[in-house]
C-alpha atoms as a PDB file:
ATOM      1  CA  ALA A   1     150.511  10.785 193.053  1.00  0.00           C
ATOM      2  CA  GLU A   2     152.341   7.552 193.917  1.00  0.00           C
ATOM      3  CA  GLN A   3     151.105   5.927 190.701  1.00  0.00           C
ATOM      4  CA  GLY A   4     151.997   8.820 188.400  1.00  0.00           C
ATOM      5  CA  MET A   5     149.927  10.463 185.664  1.00  0.00           C
ATOM      6  CA  ALA A   6     149.161   7.231 183.794  1.00  0.00           C
ATOM      7  CA  GLN A   7     147.742   5.305 186.741  1.00  0.00           C
ATOM      8  CA  GLU A   8     145.003   2.813 185.882  1.00  0.00           C
ATOM      9  CA  PHE A   9     142.955   3.264 189.079  1.00  0.00           C
ATOM     10  CA  VAL A  10     142.362   6.212 191.374  1.00  0.00           C
ATOM     11  CA  VAL A  11     140.970   6.413 194.888  1.00  0.00           C
ATOM     12  CA  ILE A  12     138.112   8.907 195.360  1.00  0.00           C
ATOM     13  CA  PRO A  13     136.532   9.876 198.686  1.00  0.00           C
ATOM     14  CA  GLN A  14     133.093   8.264 199.047  1.00  0.00           C
ATOM     15  CA  ASN A  15     131.315  11.589 199.509  1.00  0.00           C
ATOM     16  CA  ARG A  16     132.504  12.671 196.059  1.00  0.00           C
ATOM     17  CA  ILE A  17     131.295   9.581 194.224  1.00  0.00           C
ATOM     18  CA  ALA A  18     127.673  10.694 194.602  1.00  0.00           C
ATOM     19  CA  LEU A  19     128.587  14.117 193.235  1.00  0.00           C
ATOM     20  CA  LEU A  20     130.271  12.595 190.197  1.00  0.00           C
ATOM     21  CA  LYS A  21     127.261  10.357 189.588  1.00  0.00           C
ATOM     22  CA  LEU A  22     124.944  13.384 189.845  1.00  0.00           C
ATOM     23  CA  LEU A  23     127.047  15.319 187.339  1.00  0.00           C
ATOM     24  CA  ASN A  24     127.038  12.339 184.977  1.00  0.00           C
ATOM     25  CA  ASP A  25     123.254  11.968 185.287  1.00  0.00           C
ATOM     26  CA  LEU A  26     122.788  15.684 184.606  1.00  0.00           C
ATOM     27  CA  SER A  27     125.027  15.399 181.548  1.00  0.00           C
ATOM     28  CA  ASP A  28     122.879  12.541 180.205  1.00  0.00           C
ATOM     29  CA  PHE A  29     119.729  14.544 180.977  1.00  0.00           C
ATOM     30  CA  TRP A  30     120.856  17.643 179.075  1.00  0.00           C
ATOM     31  CA  GLU A  31     122.135  15.552 176.160  1.00  0.00           C
ATOM     32  CA  GLN A  32     118.721  13.897 175.865  1.00  0.00           C
ATOM     33  CA  LYS A  33     116.928  17.222 176.328  1.00  0.00           C
ATOM     34  CA  LEU A  34     118.853  18.752 173.420  1.00  0.00           C
ATOM     35  CA  ARG A  35     117.963  15.772 171.199  1.00  0.00           C
ATOM     36  CA  LEU A  36     114.278  16.164 171.985  1.00  0.00           C
ATOM     37  CA  GLU A  37     114.105  19.919 171.633  1.00  0.00           C
ATOM     38  CA  TYR A  38     112.504  21.322 168.529  1.00  0.00           C
ATOM     39  CA  LYS A  39     112.956  24.870 167.267  1.00  0.00           C
ATOM     40  CA  VAL A  40     109.700  26.490 166.195  1.00  0.00           C
ATOM     41  CA  PRO A  41     110.168  27.222 162.472  1.00  0.00           C
ATOM     42  CA  LYS A  42     109.697  30.735 161.147  1.00  0.00           C
ATOM     43  CA  GLY A  43     106.162  31.590 160.068  1.00  0.00           C
ATOM     44  CA  LEU A  44     104.575  28.906 162.249  1.00  0.00           C
ATOM     45  CA  SER A  45     102.166  29.737 165.040  1.00  0.00           C
ATOM     46  CA  LEU A  46     102.593  28.022 168.395  1.00  0.00           C
ATOM     47  CA  GLN A  47      99.306  26.216 167.777  1.00  0.00           C
ATOM     48  CA  GLU A  48     100.576  24.836 164.450  1.00  0.00           C
ATOM     49  CA  ALA A  49     103.934  23.962 165.985  1.00  0.00           C
ATOM     50  CA  ALA A  50     102.191  21.954 168.706  1.00  0.00           C
ATOM     51  CA  THR A  51     100.837  19.545 166.071  1.00  0.00           C
ATOM     52  CA  VAL A  52     104.282  18.568 164.824  1.00  0.00           C
ATOM     53  CA  PRO A  53     106.658  16.725 167.231  1.00  0.00           C
ATOM     54  CA  ASP A  54     104.792  13.616 168.404  1.00  0.00           C
ATOM     55  CA  ASN A  55     103.016  12.961 165.089  1.00  0.00           C
ATOM     56  CA  PHE A  56     106.005  13.666 162.846  1.00  0.00           C
ATOM     57  CA  THR A  57     108.289  11.562 165.060  1.00  0.00           C
ATOM     58  CA  THR A  58     105.783   8.684 165.147  1.00  0.00           C
ATOM     59  CA  ALA A  59     105.534   8.602 161.347  1.00  0.00           C
ATOM     60  CA  TRP A  60     109.309   8.795 160.825  1.00  0.00           C
ATOM     61  CA  HIS A  61     110.085   6.192 163.496  1.00  0.00           C
ATOM     62  CA  SER A  62     107.457   3.821 162.100  1.00  0.00           C
ATOM     63  CA  PHE A  63     109.033   3.965 158.651  1.00  0.00           C
ATOM     64  CA  SER A  64     112.679   3.744 159.651  1.00  0.00           C
ATOM     65  CA  ALA A  65     112.413   1.255 162.520  1.00  0.00           C
ATOM     66  CA  ASP A  66     109.291  -0.864 162.030  1.00  0.00           C
ATOM     67  CA  LEU A  67     108.768  -0.826 158.253  1.00  0.00           C
ATOM     68  CA  GLU A  68     112.472  -0.887 157.354  1.00  0.00           C
ATOM     69  CA  LEU A  69     112.150   2.044 154.970  1.00  0.00           C
ATOM     70  CA  PRO A  70     115.389   4.026 154.807  1.00  0.00           C
ATOM     71  CA  LEU A  71     114.842   7.774 155.055  1.00  0.00           C
ATOM     72  CA  PRO A  72     117.515  10.410 154.314  1.00  0.00           C
ATOM     73  CA  THR A  73     119.249  12.055 157.269  1.00  0.00           C
ATOM     74  CA  GLU A  74     121.886  13.929 155.227  1.00  0.00           C
ATOM     75  CA  ASN A  75     121.666  16.503 152.410  1.00  0.00           C
ATOM     76  CA  LEU A  76     118.085  17.296 153.341  1.00  0.00           C
ATOM     77  CA  ASP A  77     117.667  19.905 150.608  1.00  0.00           C
ATOM     78  CA  ASP A  78     118.538  17.281 147.961  1.00  0.00           C
ATOM     79  CA  PRO A  79     117.965  13.880 149.583  1.00  0.00           C
ATOM     80  CA  ALA A  80     119.202  10.642 148.070  1.00  0.00           C
ATOM     81  CA  LYS A  81     116.473   8.732 146.234  1.00  0.00           C
ATOM     82  CA  PRO A  82     115.202   5.425 147.652  1.00  0.00           C
ATOM     83  CA  GLN A  83     116.434   2.173 146.143  1.00  0.00           C
ATOM     84  CA  ASP A  84     112.860   1.180 145.255  1.00  0.00           C
ATOM     85  CA  PRO A  85     110.806   4.344 144.686  1.00  0.00           C
ATOM     86  CA  GLU A  86     107.956   2.299 143.132  1.00  0.00           C
ATOM     87  CA  LEU A  87     107.421   0.254 146.300  1.00  0.00           C
ATOM     88  CA  PRO A  88     103.650   0.323 147.063  1.00  0.00           C
ATOM     89  CA  ILE A  89     103.128   1.776 150.551  1.00  0.00           C
ATOM     90  CA  LEU A  90      99.711   2.023 152.194  1.00  0.00           C
ATOM     91  CA  ILE A  91      98.833   4.575 154.863  1.00  0.00           C
ATOM     92  CA  TRP A  92      95.607   3.464 156.547  1.00  0.00           C
ATOM     93  CA  GLY A  93      94.030   6.510 158.167  1.00  0.00           C
ATOM     94  CA  GLY A  94      95.703   9.200 156.079  1.00  0.00           C
ATOM     95  CA  GLY A  95      93.430  11.910 157.449  1.00  0.00           C
ATOM     96  CA  THR A  96      94.831  11.507 160.960  1.00  0.00           C
ATOM     97  CA  SER A  97      97.610  13.716 162.237  1.00  0.00           C
ATOM     98  CA  VAL A  98     100.195  10.948 161.928  1.00  0.00           C
ATOM     99  CA  GLY A  99      98.791   9.969 158.541  1.00  0.00           C
ATOM    100  CA  GLN A 100      99.197  13.439 157.051  1.00  0.00           C
ATOM    101  CA  TYR A 101     102.830  13.625 158.138  1.00  0.00           C
ATOM    102  CA  ALA A 102     103.437  10.076 156.903  1.00  0.00           C
ATOM    103  CA  VAL A 103     102.201  10.898 153.403  1.00  0.00           C
ATOM    104  CA  GLN A 104     104.371  14.014 153.210  1.00  0.00           C
ATOM    105  CA  ILE A 105     107.492  12.281 154.512  1.00  0.00           C
ATOM    106  CA  LEU A 106     107.159   9.574 151.861  1.00  0.00           C
ATOM    107  CA  LYS A 107     106.687  12.130 149.099  1.00  0.00           C
ATOM    108  CA  TRP A 108     109.740  14.111 150.245  1.00  0.00           C
ATOM    109  CA  ALA A 109     111.803  10.907 150.455  1.00  0.00           C
ATOM    110  CA  GLY A 110     110.996  10.068 146.840  1.00  0.00           C
ATOM    111  CA  TYR A 111     108.455   7.232 147.124  1.00  0.00           C
ATOM    112  CA  LYS A 112     106.037   7.335 144.193  1.00  0.00           C
ATOM    113  CA  LYS A 113     103.322   4.821 145.093  1.00  0.00           C
ATOM    114  CA  VAL A 114     101.729   6.195 148.255  1.00  0.00           C
ATOM    115  CA  LEU A 115      98.300   4.632 148.761  1.00  0.00           C
ATOM    116  CA  VAL A 116      96.011   6.162 151.376  1.00  0.00           C
ATOM    117  CA  THR A 117      92.705   5.274 152.989  1.00  0.00           C
ATOM    118  CA  ALA A 118      90.675   8.117 154.453  1.00  0.00           C
ATOM    119  CA  SER A 119      87.232   9.644 154.470  1.00  0.00           C
ATOM    120  CA  SER A 120      86.401  10.890 150.977  1.00  0.00           C
ATOM    121  CA  ARG A 121      86.240  14.482 152.244  1.00  0.00           C
ATOM    122  CA  HIS A 122      89.992  14.358 152.881  1.00  0.00           C
ATOM    123  CA  HIS A 123      91.035  12.904 149.520  1.00  0.00           C
ATOM    124  CA  ASP A 124      91.814  16.203 147.801  1.00  0.00           C
ATOM    125  CA  LEU A 125      93.955  17.342 150.723  1.00  0.00           C
ATOM    126  CA  LEU A 126      95.868  14.066 150.835  1.00  0.00           C
ATOM    127  CA  LYS A 127      96.527  14.125 147.090  1.00  0.00           C
ATOM    128  CA  SER A 128      97.929  17.631 147.477  1.00  0.00           C
ATOM    129  CA  LEU A 129     100.227  16.306 150.230  1.00  0.00           C
ATOM    130  CA  GLY A 130     101.559  13.487 148.059  1.00  0.00           C
ATOM    131  CA  ALA A 131      99.080  10.599 147.954  1.00  0.00           C
ATOM    132  CA  THR A 132      99.179   8.693 144.659  1.00  0.00           C
ATOM    133  CA  ALA A 133      95.840   6.941 145.149  1.00  0.00           C
ATOM    134  CA  THR A 134      93.102   7.409 147.733  1.00  0.00           C
ATOM    135  CA  PHE A 135      90.482   4.937 148.933  1.00  0.00           C
ATOM    136  CA  ASP A 136      87.395   5.523 151.062  1.00  0.00           C
ATOM    137  CA  TYR A 137      87.766   3.152 154.023  1.00  0.00           C
ATOM    138  CA  SER A 138      84.003   3.181 154.631  1.00  0.00           C
ATOM    139  CA  LEU A 139      83.254   1.369 151.345  1.00  0.00           C
ATOM    140  CA  ALA A 140      82.411  -2.307 151.708  1.00  0.00           C
ATOM    141  CA  ASP A 141      84.786  -3.235 148.886  1.00  0.00           C
ATOM    142  CA  VAL A 142      87.768  -1.120 149.964  1.00  0.00           C
ATOM    143  CA  VAL A 143      89.959  -4.226 150.330  1.00  0.00           C
ATOM    144  CA  GLU A 144      89.080  -5.409 146.832  1.00  0.00           C
ATOM    145  CA  ARG A 145      89.792  -1.935 145.403  1.00  0.00           C
ATOM    146  CA  ILE A 146      93.257  -1.826 146.956  1.00  0.00           C
ATOM    147  CA  LEU A 147      94.065  -5.356 145.758  1.00  0.00           C
ATOM    148  CA  GLU A 148      92.910  -4.469 142.261  1.00  0.00           C
ATOM    149  CA  TYR A 149      95.064  -1.335 142.264  1.00  0.00           C
ATOM    150  CA  THR A 150      98.119  -3.385 143.282  1.00  0.00           C
ATOM    151  CA  SER A 151      97.414  -6.203 140.771  1.00  0.00           C
ATOM    152  CA  GLY A 152      96.471  -8.590 143.566  1.00  0.00           C
ATOM    153  CA  LYS A 153      99.813  -8.348 145.358  1.00  0.00           C
ATOM    154  CA  GLY A 154      98.759  -5.786 147.935  1.00  0.00           C
ATOM    155  CA  PRO A 155     101.009  -3.083 149.380  1.00  0.00           C
ATOM    156  CA  ARG A 156     104.512  -4.077 150.497  1.00  0.00           C
ATOM    157  CA  ARG A 157     104.478  -1.748 153.516  1.00  0.00           C
ATOM    158  CA  VAL A 158     101.489  -0.636 155.597  1.00  0.00           C
ATOM    159  CA  LEU A 159     101.255   1.942 158.380  1.00  0.00           C
ATOM    160  CA  ASP A 160      98.035   1.810 160.383  1.00  0.00           C
ATOM    161  CA  CYS A 161      97.601   5.285 161.862  1.00  0.00           C
ATOM    162  CA  VAL A 162      94.460   4.350 163.810  1.00  0.00           C
ATOM    163  CA  GLY A 163      95.040   0.986 165.483  1.00  0.00           C
ATOM    164  CA  ASP A 164      91.496  -0.376 165.730  1.00  0.00           C
ATOM    165  CA  GLU A 165      91.267  -4.171 165.792  1.00  0.00           C
ATOM    166  CA  LYS A 166      88.081  -4.407 163.721  1.00  0.00           C
ATOM    167  CA  LEU A 167      88.068  -1.208 161.664  1.00  0.00           C
ATOM    168  CA  THR A 168      91.714  -1.054 160.557  1.00  0.00           C
ATOM    169  CA  VAL A 169      93.902  -4.013 161.587  1.00  0.00           C
ATOM    170  CA  LEU A 170      91.442  -6.626 160.282  1.00  0.00           C
ATOM    171  CA  PRO A 171      91.017  -5.159 156.769  1.00  0.00           C
ATOM    172  CA  ILE A 172      94.773  -4.588 156.553  1.00  0.00           C
ATOM    173  CA  SER A 173      95.302  -8.298 157.239  1.00  0.00           C
ATOM    174  CA  GLN A 174      93.046  -8.991 154.241  1.00  0.00           C
ATOM    175  CA  VAL A 175      94.940  -6.719 151.847  1.00  0.00           C
ATOM    176  CA  VAL A 176      98.546  -7.841 152.489  1.00  0.00           C
ATOM    177  CA  THR A 177     100.349 -10.852 151.083  1.00  0.00           C
ATOM    178  CA  GLU A 178     103.566 -12.735 151.841  1.00  0.00           C
ATOM    179  CA  GLY A 179     106.578 -10.489 152.324  1.00  0.00           C
ATOM    180  CA  ALA A 180     104.660  -7.411 153.461  1.00  0.00           C
ATOM    181  CA  LEU A 181     105.512  -5.474 156.623  1.00  0.00           C
ATOM    182  CA  VAL A 182     102.775  -3.902 158.758  1.00  0.00           C
ATOM    183  CA  ALA A 183     103.089  -1.410 161.615  1.00  0.00           C
ATOM    184  CA  TYR A 184     100.057  -0.408 163.681  1.00  0.00           C
ATOM    185  CA  LEU A 185      99.856   2.344 166.288  1.00  0.00           C
ATOM    186  CA  LEU A 186      99.444   1.298 169.897  1.00  0.00           C
ATOM    187  CA  PRO A 187      97.413   0.733 171.927  1.00  0.00           C
ATOM    188  CA  VAL A 188      95.071  -1.297 169.742  1.00  0.00           C
ATOM    189  CA  ARG A 189      91.478  -0.258 170.298  1.00  0.00           C
ATOM    190  CA  TYR A 190      88.855  -2.992 170.714  1.00  0.00           C
ATOM    191  CA  GLY A 191      85.823  -0.937 171.691  1.00  0.00           C
ATOM    192  CA  GLY A 192      85.259   0.900 168.393  1.00  0.00           C
ATOM    193  CA  TYR A 193      85.693   4.525 167.387  1.00  0.00           C
ATOM    194  CA  GLY A 194      86.073   6.912 170.307  1.00  0.00           C
ATOM    195  CA  SER A 195      86.383   4.123 172.877  1.00  0.00           C
ATOM    196  CA  THR A 196      88.741   4.628 175.816  1.00  0.00           C
ATOM    197  CA  THR A 197      88.188   1.121 177.189  1.00  0.00           C
ATOM    198  CA  GLY A 198      89.033  -2.277 175.788  1.00  0.00           C
ATOM    199  CA  VAL A 199      92.515  -1.418 174.545  1.00  0.00           C
ATOM    200  CA  GLU A 200      95.458  -3.800 174.302  1.00  0.00           C
ATOM    201  CA  MET A 201      99.178  -3.493 173.561  1.00  0.00           C
ATOM    202  CA  GLU A 202      99.007  -6.157 170.865  1.00  0.00           C
ATOM    203  CA  SER A 203      96.685  -7.110 168.031  1.00  0.00           C
ATOM    204  CA  LYS A 204      95.069 -10.550 168.029  1.00  0.00           C
ATOM    205  CA  THR A 205      94.393 -10.457 164.285  1.00  0.00           C
ATOM    206  CA  LYS A 206      95.820 -13.354 162.273  1.00  0.00           C
ATOM    207  CA  PHE A 207      97.959 -12.189 159.355  1.00  0.00           C
ATOM    208  CA  PRO A 208      98.850 -14.294 156.298  1.00  0.00           C
ATOM    209  CA  ASP A 209     101.985 -16.417 156.473  1.00  0.00           C
ATOM    210  CA  GLY A 210     105.089 -14.440 155.678  1.00  0.00           C
ATOM    211  CA  VAL A 211     103.638 -11.100 156.813  1.00  0.00           C
ATOM    212  CA  LYS A 212     105.336  -9.365 159.728  1.00  0.00           C
ATOM    213  CA  ALA A 213     103.084  -7.121 161.835  1.00  0.00           C
ATOM    214  CA  VAL A 214     104.363  -5.072 164.792  1.00  0.00           C
ATOM    215  CA  GLY A 215     103.036  -2.435 167.145  1.00  0.00           C
ATOM    216  CA  VAL A 216     104.635   1.007 166.965  1.00  0.00           C
ATOM    217  CA  ARG A 217     106.429   2.133 170.126  1.00  0.00           C
ATOM    218  CA  THR A 218     107.705   5.595 169.290  1.00  0.00           C
ATOM    219  CA  HIS A 219     109.078   6.237 172.787  1.00  0.00           C
ATOM    220  CA  PHE A 220     111.871   3.747 172.013  1.00  0.00           C
ATOM    221  CA  TYR A 221     113.312   5.801 169.167  1.00  0.00           C
ATOM    222  CA  ASP A 222     115.487   7.839 171.531  1.00  0.00           C
ATOM    223  CA  GLN A 223     117.151   4.708 172.928  1.00  0.00           C
ATOM    224  CA  LYS A 224     118.994   3.625 169.784  1.00  0.00           C
ATOM    225  CA  PRO A 225     122.118   5.672 169.000  1.00  0.00           C
ATOM    226  CA  GLY A 226     122.300   6.932 165.455  1.00  0.00           C
ATOM    227  CA  PRO A 227     121.326   9.772 163.109  1.00  0.00           C
ATOM    228  CA  VAL A 228     117.577   9.398 163.704  1.00  0.00           C
ATOM    229  CA  ARG A 229     117.937   9.791 167.450  1.00  0.00           C
ATOM    230  CA  ASP A 230     120.478  12.593 167.228  1.00  0.00           C
ATOM    231  CA  LYS A 231     119.082  14.610 164.315  1.00  0.00           C
ATOM    232  CA  LEU A 232     115.354  14.018 163.939  1.00  0.00           C
ATOM    233  CA  GLN A 233     113.866  16.601 166.290  1.00  0.00           C
ATOM    234  CA  PRO A 234     116.649  19.200 166.593  1.00  0.00           C
ATOM    235  CA  TYR A 235     117.527  19.338 162.855  1.00  0.00           C
ATOM    236  CA  ILE A 236     115.483  17.277 160.369  1.00  0.00           C
ATOM    237  CA  MET A 237     112.004  18.176 161.580  1.00  0.00           C
ATOM    238  CA  PRO A 238     112.434  21.987 161.745  1.00  0.00           C
ATOM    239  CA  PHE A 239     114.335  21.973 158.420  1.00  0.00           C
ATOM    240  CA  LEU A 240     111.496  20.244 156.561  1.00  0.00           C
ATOM    241  CA  ILE A 241     108.750  22.272 158.244  1.00  0.00           C
ATOM    242  CA  GLU A 242     110.459  25.631 157.803  1.00  0.00           C
ATOM    243  CA  GLY A 243     111.274  24.879 154.179  1.00  0.00           C
ATOM    244  CA  ARG A 244     107.624  23.945 153.601  1.00  0.00           C
ATOM    245  CA  SER A 245     108.587  20.522 152.320  1.00  0.00           C
ATOM    246  CA  ILE A 246     106.126  19.357 154.954  1.00  0.00           C
ATOM    247  CA  LYS A 247     103.072  21.269 156.121  1.00  0.00           C
ATOM    248  CA  PRO A 248     101.795  21.146 159.713  1.00  0.00           C
ATOM    249  CA  ASN A 249      98.386  19.761 160.583  1.00  0.00           C
ATOM    250  CA  LYS A 250      95.380  21.979 160.787  1.00  0.00           C
ATOM    251  CA  ALA A 251      95.154  23.030 164.449  1.00  0.00           C
ATOM    252  CA  ARG A 252      91.859  23.295 166.280  1.00  0.00           C
ATOM    253  CA  VAL A 253      92.168  25.203 169.544  1.00  0.00           C
ATOM    254  CA  VAL A 254      89.864  23.827 172.242  1.00  0.00           C
ATOM    255  CA  MET A 255      88.300  26.633 174.237  1.00  0.00           C
ATOM    256  CA  GLY A 256      87.387  26.718 177.933  1.00  0.00           C
ATOM    257  CA  ASN A 257      87.812  28.813 181.062  1.00  0.00           C
ATOM    258  CA  LYS A 258      90.222  26.412 182.774  1.00  0.00           C
ATOM    259  CA  PRO A 259      92.672  23.711 181.624  1.00  0.00           C
ATOM    260  CA  LEU A 260      90.569  20.893 183.127  1.00  0.00           C
ATOM    261  CA  GLU A 261      87.502  22.151 181.298  1.00  0.00           C
ATOM    262  CA  ARG A 262      89.458  22.184 178.014  1.00  0.00           C
ATOM    263  CA  PHE A 263      90.678  18.616 178.596  1.00  0.00           C
ATOM    264  CA  GLU A 264      87.117  17.441 179.180  1.00  0.00           C
ATOM    265  CA  SER A 265      85.901  19.205 176.057  1.00  0.00           C
ATOM    266  CA  ALA A 266      88.688  17.651 173.981  1.00  0.00           C
ATOM    267  CA  LEU A 267      87.899  14.153 175.263  1.00  0.00           C
ATOM    268  CA  ASP A 268      84.206  14.659 174.481  1.00  0.00           C
ATOM    269  CA  LEU A 269      85.073  15.665 170.916  1.00  0.00           C
ATOM    270  CA  ILE A 270      87.272  12.603 170.448  1.00  0.00           C
ATOM    271  CA  ARG A 271      84.783  10.160 171.975  1.00  0.00           C
ATOM    272  CA  SER A 272      81.942  11.497 169.857  1.00  0.00           C
ATOM    273  CA  GLY A 273      83.943  11.143 166.647  1.00  0.00           C
ATOM    274  CA  LYS A 274      83.954  14.849 165.875  1.00  0.00           C
ATOM    275  CA  VAL A 275      87.699  15.146 165.250  1.00  0.00           C
ATOM    276  CA  SER A 276      88.831  14.457 161.694  1.00  0.00           C
ATOM    277  CA  GLY A 277      91.654  15.844 159.590  1.00  0.00           C
ATOM    278  CA  GLU A 278      92.868  18.126 162.377  1.00  0.00           C
ATOM    279  CA  LYS A 279      94.799  18.181 165.638  1.00  0.00           C
ATOM    280  CA  LEU A 280      93.280  19.385 168.900  1.00  0.00           C
ATOM    281  CA  VAL A 281      95.428  21.935 170.731  1.00  0.00           C
ATOM    282  CA  LEU A 282      94.857  23.025 174.345  1.00  0.00           C
ATOM    283  CA  SER A 283      96.260  26.053 176.136  1.00  0.00           C
ATOM    284  CA  MET A 284      97.571  25.396 179.647  1.00  0.00           C
ATOM    285  CA  GLU A 285      97.190  29.007 180.758  1.00  0.00           C
END
């Protein structure tokens, strides 16, 4: 009161400082919670909805943050076209959950040269989602085929949706040339398909000079203020899913009497390589 209404400093009893800090922390918590919440779109089952948030967010974050591809965050029903719609972009592992969302996001954003590697049994699906060209990653000459398709220049952007040092990162390093940007999902697997050991948080593969390769850390996307952080999950994602601009992954519900039994069954399926083109969903009941 002695300093008047415009006083620069104020004395607060010590026992109330903790309360103010708690209220501030709770405010930050609820603000973050609202950013990360995602409304289940109409016509979507809970199983289908469960395939969306982490995979959709990973694909979007990889493009906007790691591959420096601008994606629209305004006027979602009529998004602005990209500056270079003919930019060749390669999705390695298009049949994965992240890969399927990545292909659809690029198509919606207006990119017209979306190259995809996947098992041949997924090619028709991926073309229906927006892939311009598909390549069977199991072919010995897959690198040569991609280079031929891009007139020897290789793709300008690459998203590795698998992150296997030998099976994906290595061939990607052979298909890119100077000026390309590469993002690979972490952790990088060193033990082969289905391995849960021998993983690292960085690739040891040598890329050509002038190629930038980074590991994708999606959990950082919520730390940078901006439209992606504030709008992606509460607005952009449900808008695109509900409007059917983007389709959810095929969901495969893992059965079992108890949650632990379902987890074990899911891990067995993954380790044995029996999951392809679909997302495993477990009930916690």
